Amino acid sequence: MEPVLLRIQETAKLLKVSKWTIYRWIEEGRLRATKIGRGSLRVFQTSVSGLIEGTQIDHRDPQNDSRSKVTPVRAKDRKKKR
């Protein structure tokens, strides 16, 4: 059985970001959290799952293909700065 609440460090490790990013995402509302006791902060597992699911991209979808939107820059088009 998976825990319903995750510690900040557990959440950071799961999402592969720093603990400071987790604190910022909680403040921004991207993750839901609650305080336990005198200040122990815990993140809801459902909000982490929702964040992961919301950022997944289907790479087979041609509308999400960012390579088609990039315009190449040629070296001769740039001016040298001196």
PDB file of N, CA and C in Angstrom:
ATOM      1  N   MET A   1       0.839  -1.180   0.000  1.00  0.00           N
ATOM      2  CA  MET A   1       0.000   0.000   0.000  1.00  0.00           C
ATOM      3  C   MET A   1       0.886   1.246   0.000  1.00  0.00           C
ATOM      4  N   GLU A   2       0.642   2.153  -0.948  1.00  0.00           N
ATOM      5  CA  GLU A   2       1.420   3.382  -1.052  1.00  0.00           C
ATOM      6  C   GLU A   2       0.951   4.401  -0.015  1.00  0.00           C
ATOM      7  N   PRO A   3       1.880   5.195   0.512  1.00  0.00           N
ATOM      8  CA  PRO A   3       1.462   6.224   1.467  1.00  0.00           C
ATOM      9  C   PRO A   3       0.639   7.313   0.778  1.00  0.00           C
ATOM     10  N   VAL A   4      -0.304   7.859   1.499  1.00  0.00           N
ATOM     11  CA  VAL A   4      -1.157   8.922   0.978  1.00  0.00           C
ATOM     12  C   VAL A   4      -0.428  10.259   1.025  1.00  0.00           C
ATOM     13  N   LEU A   5       0.432  10.426   2.027  1.00  0.00           N
ATOM     14  CA  LEU A   5       1.199  11.658   2.194  1.00  0.00           C
ATOM     15  C   LEU A   5       2.683  11.366   2.020  1.00  0.00           C
ATOM     16  N   LEU A   6       3.375  12.249   1.322  1.00  0.00           N
ATOM     17  CA  LEU A   6       4.807  12.085   1.087  1.00  0.00           C
ATOM     18  C   LEU A   6       5.580  13.219   1.747  1.00  0.00           C
ATOM     19  N   ARG A   7       6.765  12.918   2.226  1.00  0.00           N
ATOM     20  CA  ARG A   7       7.647  13.952   2.753  1.00  0.00           C
ATOM     21  C   ARG A   7       8.194  14.772   1.589  1.00  0.00           C
ATOM     22  N   ILE A   8       8.697  15.935   1.905  1.00  0.00           N
ATOM     23  CA  ILE A   8       9.234  16.842   0.883  1.00  0.00           C
ATOM     24  C   ILE A   8      10.370  16.164   0.120  1.00  0.00           C
ATOM     25  N   GLN A   9      11.289  15.550   0.832  1.00  0.00           N
ATOM     26  CA  GLN A   9      12.428  14.886   0.189  1.00  0.00           C
ATOM     27  C   GLN A   9      11.973  13.727  -0.691  1.00  0.00           C
ATOM     28  N   GLU A  10      10.984  12.961  -0.235  1.00  0.00           N
ATOM     29  CA  GLU A  10      10.457  11.856  -1.041  1.00  0.00           C
ATOM     30  C   GLU A  10       9.844  12.380  -2.335  1.00  0.00           C
ATOM     31  N   THR A  11       9.117  13.467  -2.221  1.00  0.00           N
ATOM     32  CA  THR A  11       8.476  14.071  -3.387  1.00  0.00           C
ATOM     33  C   THR A  11       9.525  14.585  -4.360  1.00  0.00           C
ATOM     34  N   ALA A  12      10.552  15.245  -3.831  1.00  0.00           N
ATOM     35  CA  ALA A  12      11.625  15.776  -4.674  1.00  0.00           C
ATOM     36  C   ALA A  12      12.351  14.650  -5.409  1.00  0.00           C
ATOM     37  N   LYS A  13      12.610  13.577  -4.718  1.00  0.00           N
ATOM     38  CA  LYS A  13      13.296  12.438  -5.333  1.00  0.00           C
ATOM     39  C   LYS A  13      12.417  11.799  -6.404  1.00  0.00           C
ATOM     40  N   LEU A  14      11.150  11.673  -6.140  1.00  0.00           N
ATOM     41  CA  LEU A  14      10.210  11.076  -7.086  1.00  0.00           C
ATOM     42  C   LEU A  14      10.102  11.910  -8.364  1.00  0.00           C
ATOM     43  N   LEU A  15      10.070  13.229  -8.205  1.00  0.00           N
ATOM     44  CA  LEU A  15       9.922  14.129  -9.356  1.00  0.00           C
ATOM     45  C   LEU A  15      11.262  14.570  -9.952  1.00  0.00           C
ATOM     46  N   LYS A  16      12.373  14.161  -9.306  1.00  0.00           N
ATOM     47  CA  LYS A  16      13.724  14.497  -9.755  1.00  0.00           C
ATOM     48  C   LYS A  16      13.958  16.014  -9.823  1.00  0.00           C
ATOM     49  N   VAL A  17      13.560  16.687  -8.760  1.00  0.00           N
ATOM     50  CA  VAL A  17      13.794  18.122  -8.603  1.00  0.00           C
ATOM     51  C   VAL A  17      14.313  18.364  -7.185  1.00  0.00           C
ATOM     52  N   SER A  18      14.710  19.593  -6.892  1.00  0.00           N
ATOM     53  CA  SER A  18      15.203  19.911  -5.551  1.00  0.00           C
ATOM     54  C   SER A  18      14.028  20.103  -4.581  1.00  0.00           C
ATOM     55  N   LYS A  19      14.344  20.048  -3.305  1.00  0.00           N
ATOM     56  CA  LYS A  19      13.303  20.264  -2.307  1.00  0.00           C
ATOM     57  C   LYS A  19      12.772  21.689  -2.370  1.00  0.00           C
ATOM     58  N   TRP A  20      13.624  22.636  -2.800  1.00  0.00           N
ATOM     59  CA  TRP A  20      13.197  24.030  -2.910  1.00  0.00           C
ATOM     60  C   TRP A  20      12.174  24.197  -4.039  1.00  0.00           C
ATOM     61  N   THR A  21      12.312  23.399  -5.078  1.00  0.00           N
ATOM     62  CA  THR A  21      11.328  23.407  -6.156  1.00  0.00           C
ATOM     63  C   THR A  21       9.986  22.898  -5.642  1.00  0.00           C
ATOM     64  N   ILE A  22      10.019  21.886  -4.798  1.00  0.00           N
ATOM     65  CA  ILE A  22       8.785  21.349  -4.217  1.00  0.00           C
ATOM     66  C   ILE A  22       8.107  22.424  -3.367  1.00  0.00           C
ATOM     67  N   TYR A  23       8.878  23.106  -2.532  1.00  0.00           N
ATOM     68  CA  TYR A  23       8.302  24.186  -1.727  1.00  0.00           C
ATOM     69  C   TYR A  23       7.679  25.266  -2.612  1.00  0.00           C
ATOM     70  N   ARG A  24       8.371  25.625  -3.699  1.00  0.00           N
ATOM     71  CA  ARG A  24       7.858  26.649  -4.607  1.00  0.00           C
ATOM     72  C   ARG A  24       6.574  26.174  -5.293  1.00  0.00           C
ATOM     73  N   TRP A  25       6.550  24.907  -5.742  1.00  0.00           N
ATOM     74  CA  TRP A  25       5.365  24.373  -6.400  1.00  0.00           C
ATOM     75  C   TRP A  25       4.174  24.315  -5.449  1.00  0.00           C
ATOM     76  N   ILE A  26       4.436  24.050  -4.174  1.00  0.00           N
ATOM     77  CA  ILE A  26       3.354  24.065  -3.183  1.00  0.00           C
ATOM     78  C   ILE A  26       2.810  25.487  -3.045  1.00  0.00           C
ATOM     79  N   GLU A  27       3.709  26.450  -2.955  1.00  0.00           N
ATOM     80  CA  GLU A  27       3.291  27.848  -2.819  1.00  0.00           C
ATOM     81  C   GLU A  27       2.535  28.336  -4.063  1.00  0.00           C
ATOM     82  N   GLU A  28       2.954  27.871  -5.242  1.00  0.00           N
ATOM     83  CA  GLU A  28       2.292  28.254  -6.492  1.00  0.00           C
ATOM     84  C   GLU A  28       0.963  27.528  -6.701  1.00  0.00           C
ATOM     85  N   GLY A  29       0.756  26.453  -5.935  1.00  0.00           N
ATOM     86  CA  GLY A  29      -0.481  25.700  -6.079  1.00  0.00           C
ATOM     87  C   GLY A  29      -0.391  24.526  -7.040  1.00  0.00           C
ATOM     88  N   ARG A  30       0.796  24.244  -7.549  1.00  0.00           N
ATOM     89  CA  ARG A  30       0.971  23.111  -8.459  1.00  0.00           C
ATOM     90  C   ARG A  30       0.894  21.784  -7.719  1.00  0.00           C
ATOM     91  N   LEU A  31       1.262  21.787  -6.442  1.00  0.00           N
ATOM     92  CA  LEU A  31       1.163  20.610  -5.577  1.00  0.00           C
ATOM     93  C   LEU A  31       0.353  20.974  -4.349  1.00  0.00           C
ATOM     94  N   ARG A  32      -0.442  20.002  -3.870  1.00  0.00           N
ATOM     95  CA  ARG A  32      -1.220  20.211  -2.649  1.00  0.00           C
ATOM     96  C   ARG A  32      -0.481  19.571  -1.489  1.00  0.00           C
ATOM     97  N   ALA A  33      -0.457  20.276  -0.366  1.00  0.00           N
ATOM     98  CA  ALA A  33       0.249  19.782   0.814  1.00  0.00           C
ATOM     99  C   ALA A  33      -0.509  20.184   2.064  1.00  0.00           C
ATOM    100  N   THR A  34      -0.108  19.580   3.186  1.00  0.00           N
ATOM    101  CA  THR A  34      -0.715  19.896   4.475  1.00  0.00           C
ATOM    102  C   THR A  34       0.363  19.863   5.548  1.00  0.00           C
ATOM    103  N   LYS A  35       0.139  20.623   6.595  1.00  0.00           N
ATOM    104  CA  LYS A  35       1.054  20.604   7.736  1.00  0.00           C
ATOM    105  C   LYS A  35       0.566  19.577   8.744  1.00  0.00           C
ATOM    106  N   ILE A  36       1.517  18.876   9.317  1.00  0.00           N
ATOM    107  CA  ILE A  36       1.220  17.894  10.361  1.00  0.00           C
ATOM    108  C   ILE A  36       2.025  18.296  11.593  1.00  0.00           C
ATOM    109  N   GLY A  37       1.370  18.388  12.705  1.00  0.00           N
ATOM    110  CA  GLY A  37       2.071  18.761  13.931  1.00  0.00           C
ATOM    111  C   GLY A  37       2.510  20.205  13.919  1.00  0.00           C
ATOM    112  N   ARG A  38       3.743  20.443  14.350  1.00  0.00           N
ATOM    113  CA  ARG A  38       4.248  21.804  14.498  1.00  0.00           C
ATOM    114  C   ARG A  38       4.822  22.403  13.217  1.00  0.00           C
ATOM    115  N   GLY A  39       4.754  21.713  12.142  1.00  0.00           N
ATOM    116  CA  GLY A  39       5.289  22.299  10.917  1.00  0.00           C
ATOM    117  C   GLY A  39       5.811  21.288   9.924  1.00  0.00           C
ATOM    118  N   SER A  40       5.629  20.011  10.196  1.00  0.00           N
ATOM    119  CA  SER A  40       6.041  19.011   9.221  1.00  0.00           C
ATOM    120  C   SER A  40       5.102  19.088   8.032  1.00  0.00           C
ATOM    121  N   LEU A  41       5.662  19.352   6.890  1.00  0.00           N
ATOM    122  CA  LEU A  41       4.875  19.514   5.682  1.00  0.00           C
ATOM    123  C   LEU A  41       4.843  18.196   4.919  1.00  0.00           C
ATOM    124  N   ARG A  42       3.673  17.793   4.480  1.00  0.00           N
ATOM    125  CA  ARG A  42       3.505  16.568   3.693  1.00  0.00           C
ATOM    126  C   ARG A  42       2.749  16.887   2.418  1.00  0.00           C
ATOM    127  N   VAL A  43       3.131  16.214   1.338  1.00  0.00           N
ATOM    128  CA  VAL A  43       2.528  16.425   0.028  1.00  0.00           C
ATOM    129  C   VAL A  43       1.573  15.274  -0.250  1.00  0.00           C
ATOM    130  N   PHE A  44       0.399  15.599  -0.779  1.00  0.00           N
ATOM    131  CA  PHE A  44      -0.574  14.567  -1.115  1.00  0.00           C
ATOM    132  C   PHE A  44      -0.109  13.782  -2.337  1.00  0.00           C
ATOM    133  N   GLN A  45      -0.122  12.468  -2.233  1.00  0.00           N
ATOM    134  CA  GLN A  45       0.287  11.586  -3.326  1.00  0.00           C
ATOM    135  C   GLN A  45      -0.557  11.841  -4.571  1.00  0.00           C
ATOM    136  N   THR A  46      -1.848  12.118  -4.391  1.00  0.00           N
ATOM    137  CA  THR A  46      -2.728  12.343  -5.538  1.00  0.00           C
ATOM    138  C   THR A  46      -2.316  13.595  -6.324  1.00  0.00           C
ATOM    139  N   SER A  47      -1.816  14.618  -5.640  1.00  0.00           N
ATOM    140  CA  SER A  47      -1.395  15.827  -6.357  1.00  0.00           C
ATOM    141  C   SER A  47      -0.111  15.563  -7.139  1.00  0.00           C
ATOM    142  N   VAL A  48       0.763  14.713  -6.601  1.00  0.00           N
ATOM    143  CA  VAL A  48       1.991  14.345  -7.325  1.00  0.00           C
ATOM    144  C   VAL A  48       1.623  13.543  -8.572  1.00  0.00           C
ATOM    145  N   SER A  49       0.717  12.595  -8.419  1.00  0.00           N
ATOM    146  CA  SER A  49       0.269  11.793  -9.565  1.00  0.00           C
ATOM    147  C   SER A  49      -0.397  12.669 -10.614  1.00  0.00           C
ATOM    148  N   GLY A  50      -1.197  13.617 -10.178  1.00  0.00           N
ATOM    149  CA  GLY A  50      -1.850  14.537 -11.100  1.00  0.00           C
ATOM    150  C   GLY A  50      -0.862  15.403 -11.854  1.00  0.00           C
ATOM    151  N   LEU A  51       0.179  15.849 -11.168  1.00  0.00           N
ATOM    152  CA  LEU A  51       1.216  16.655 -11.806  1.00  0.00           C
ATOM    153  C   LEU A  51       1.952  15.837 -12.865  1.00  0.00           C
ATOM    154  N   ILE A  52       2.265  14.599 -12.540  1.00  0.00           N
ATOM    155  CA  ILE A  52       2.958  13.722 -13.490  1.00  0.00           C
ATOM    156  C   ILE A  52       2.085  13.455 -14.703  1.00  0.00           C
ATOM    157  N   GLU A  53       0.836  13.114 -14.483  1.00  0.00           N
ATOM    158  CA  GLU A  53      -0.072  12.810 -15.587  1.00  0.00           C
ATOM    159  C   GLU A  53      -0.341  14.042 -16.445  1.00  0.00           C
ATOM    160  N   GLY A  54      -0.385  15.207 -15.832  1.00  0.00           N
ATOM    161  CA  GLY A  54      -0.649  16.434 -16.565  1.00  0.00           C
ATOM    162  C   GLY A  54       0.496  16.886 -17.446  1.00  0.00           C
ATOM    163  N   THR A  55       1.717  16.414 -17.176  1.00  0.00           N
ATOM    164  CA  THR A  55       2.872  16.841 -17.953  1.00  0.00           C
ATOM    165  C   THR A  55       3.332  15.812 -18.966  1.00  0.00           C
ATOM    166  N   GLN A  56       2.688  14.663 -19.016  1.00  0.00           N
ATOM    167  CA  GLN A  56       3.079  13.648 -19.989  1.00  0.00           C
ATOM    168  C   GLN A  56       2.665  14.089 -21.378  1.00  0.00           C
ATOM    169  N   ILE A  57       3.541  13.855 -22.339  1.00  0.00           N
ATOM    170  CA  ILE A  57       3.294  14.235 -23.726  1.00  0.00           C
ATOM    171  C   ILE A  57       3.308  12.980 -24.581  1.00  0.00           C
ATOM    172  N   ASP A  58       2.355  12.893 -25.486  1.00  0.00           N
ATOM    173  CA  ASP A  58       2.328  11.792 -26.436  1.00  0.00           C
ATOM    174  C   ASP A  58       3.230  12.192 -27.604  1.00  0.00           C
ATOM    175  N   HIS A  59       4.412  11.583 -27.691  1.00  0.00           N
ATOM    176  CA  HIS A  59       5.381  11.957 -28.709  1.00  0.00           C
ATOM    177  C   HIS A  59       4.957  11.512 -30.113  1.00  0.00           C
ATOM    178  N   ARG A  60       3.955  10.674 -30.213  1.00  0.00           N
ATOM    179  CA  ARG A  60       3.479  10.228 -31.518  1.00  0.00           C
ATOM    180  C   ARG A  60       2.480  11.205 -32.121  1.00  0.00           C
ATOM    181  N   ASP A  61       2.032  12.175 -31.361  1.00  0.00           N
ATOM    182  CA  ASP A  61       1.057  13.149 -31.822  1.00  0.00           C
ATOM    183  C   ASP A  61       1.775  14.248 -32.610  1.00  0.00           C
ATOM    184  N   PRO A  62       1.498  14.417 -33.904  1.00  0.00           N
ATOM    185  CA  PRO A  62       2.210  15.425 -34.689  1.00  0.00           C
ATOM    186  C   PRO A  62       1.948  16.859 -34.229  1.00  0.00           C
ATOM    187  N   GLN A  63       0.846  17.122 -33.534  1.00  0.00           N
ATOM    188  CA  GLN A  63       0.569  18.473 -33.045  1.00  0.00           C
ATOM    189  C   GLN A  63       1.516  18.865 -31.930  1.00  0.00           C
ATOM    190  N   ASN A  64       2.062  17.904 -31.209  1.00  0.00           N
ATOM    191  CA  ASN A  64       2.983  18.191 -30.108  1.00  0.00           C
ATOM    192  C   ASN A  64       4.443  18.137 -30.547  1.00  0.00           C
ATOM    193  N   ASP A  65       4.704  17.986 -31.849  1.00  0.00           N
ATOM    194  CA  ASP A  65       6.062  17.877 -32.339  1.00  0.00           C
ATOM    195  C   ASP A  65       6.691  19.262 -32.408  1.00  0.00           C
ATOM    196  N   SER A  66       7.528  19.579 -31.432  1.00  0.00           N
ATOM    197  CA  SER A  66       8.120  20.912 -31.353  1.00  0.00           C
ATOM    198  C   SER A  66       9.185  21.112 -32.420  1.00  0.00           C
ATOM    199  N   ARG A  67       9.719  20.036 -33.003  1.00  0.00           N
ATOM    200  CA  ARG A  67      10.755  20.181 -34.017  1.00  0.00           C
ATOM    201  C   ARG A  67      10.222  20.879 -35.264  1.00  0.00           C
ATOM    202  N   SER A  68       8.953  20.695 -35.562  1.00  0.00           N
ATOM    203  CA  SER A  68       8.398  21.326 -36.753  1.00  0.00           C
ATOM    204  C   SER A  68       8.195  22.832 -36.563  1.00  0.00           C
ATOM    205  N   LYS A  69       8.209  23.306 -35.348  1.00  0.00           N
ATOM    206  CA  LYS A  69       7.969  24.720 -35.061  1.00  0.00           C
ATOM    207  C   LYS A  69       9.258  25.527 -34.952  1.00  0.00           C
ATOM    208  N   VAL A  70      10.410  24.855 -34.926  1.00  0.00           N
ATOM    209  CA  VAL A  70      11.683  25.530 -34.741  1.00  0.00           C
ATOM    210  C   VAL A  70      12.217  25.987 -36.090  1.00  0.00           C
ATOM    211  N   THR A  71      12.604  27.240 -36.182  1.00  0.00           N
ATOM    212  CA  THR A  71      13.186  27.783 -37.402  1.00  0.00           C
ATOM    213  C   THR A  71      14.699  27.764 -37.258  1.00  0.00           C
ATOM    214  N   PRO A  72      15.398  27.119 -38.191  1.00  0.00           N
ATOM    215  CA  PRO A  72      16.855  27.066 -38.069  1.00  0.00           C
ATOM    216  C   PRO A  72      17.471  28.439 -38.299  1.00  0.00           C
ATOM    217  N   VAL A  73      18.561  28.710 -37.595  1.00  0.00           N
ATOM    218  CA  VAL A  73      19.286  29.965 -37.729  1.00  0.00           C
ATOM    219  C   VAL A  73      20.590  29.656 -38.444  1.00  0.00           C
ATOM    220  N   ARG A  74      20.847  30.357 -39.535  1.00  0.00           N
ATOM    221  CA  ARG A  74      22.070  30.143 -40.291  1.00  0.00           C
ATOM    222  C   ARG A  74      23.138  31.110 -39.811  1.00  0.00           C
ATOM    223  N   ALA A  75      24.367  30.664 -39.834  1.00  0.00           N
ATOM    224  CA  ALA A  75      25.478  31.481 -39.360  1.00  0.00           C
ATOM    225  C   ALA A  75      25.649  32.739 -40.198  1.00  0.00           C
ATOM    226  N   LYS A  76      25.371  32.670 -41.494  1.00  0.00           N
ATOM    227  CA  LYS A  76      25.567  33.838 -42.346  1.00  0.00           C
ATOM    228  C   LYS A  76      24.525  34.928 -42.090  1.00  0.00           C
ATOM    229  N   ASP A  77      23.387  34.549 -41.448  1.00  0.00           N
ATOM    230  CA  ASP A  77      22.348  35.512 -41.137  1.00  0.00           C
ATOM    231  C   ASP A  77      22.676  36.365 -39.921  1.00  0.00           C
ATOM    232  N   ARG A  78      23.630  35.930 -39.136  1.00  0.00           N
ATOM    233  CA  ARG A  78      23.999  36.660 -37.928  1.00  0.00           C
ATOM    234  C   ARG A  78      25.075  37.675 -38.231  1.00  0.00           C
ATOM    235  N   LYS A  79      25.050  38.781 -37.540  1.00  0.00           N
ATOM    236  CA  LYS A  79      26.104  39.792 -37.645  1.00  0.00           C
ATOM    237  C   LYS A  79      27.066  39.620 -36.503  1.00  0.00           C
ATOM    238  N   LYS A  80      28.325  39.751 -36.796  1.00  0.00           N
ATOM    239  CA  LYS A  80      29.340  39.611 -35.753  1.00  0.00           C
ATOM    240  C   LYS A  80      29.426  40.889 -34.940  1.00  0.00           C
ATOM    241  N   LYS A  81      29.556  40.741 -33.646  1.00  0.00           N
ATOM    242  CA  LYS A  81      29.700  41.883 -32.742  1.00  0.00           C
ATOM    243  C   LYS A  81      31.176  42.059 -32.423  1.00  0.00           C
ATOM    244  N   ARG A  82      31.636  43.293 -32.503  1.00  0.00           N
ATOM    245  CA  ARG A  82      33.039  43.571 -32.171  1.00  0.00           C
ATOM    246  C   ARG A  82      33.130  44.623 -31.137  1.00  0.00           C
TER     247      ARG A  82
END
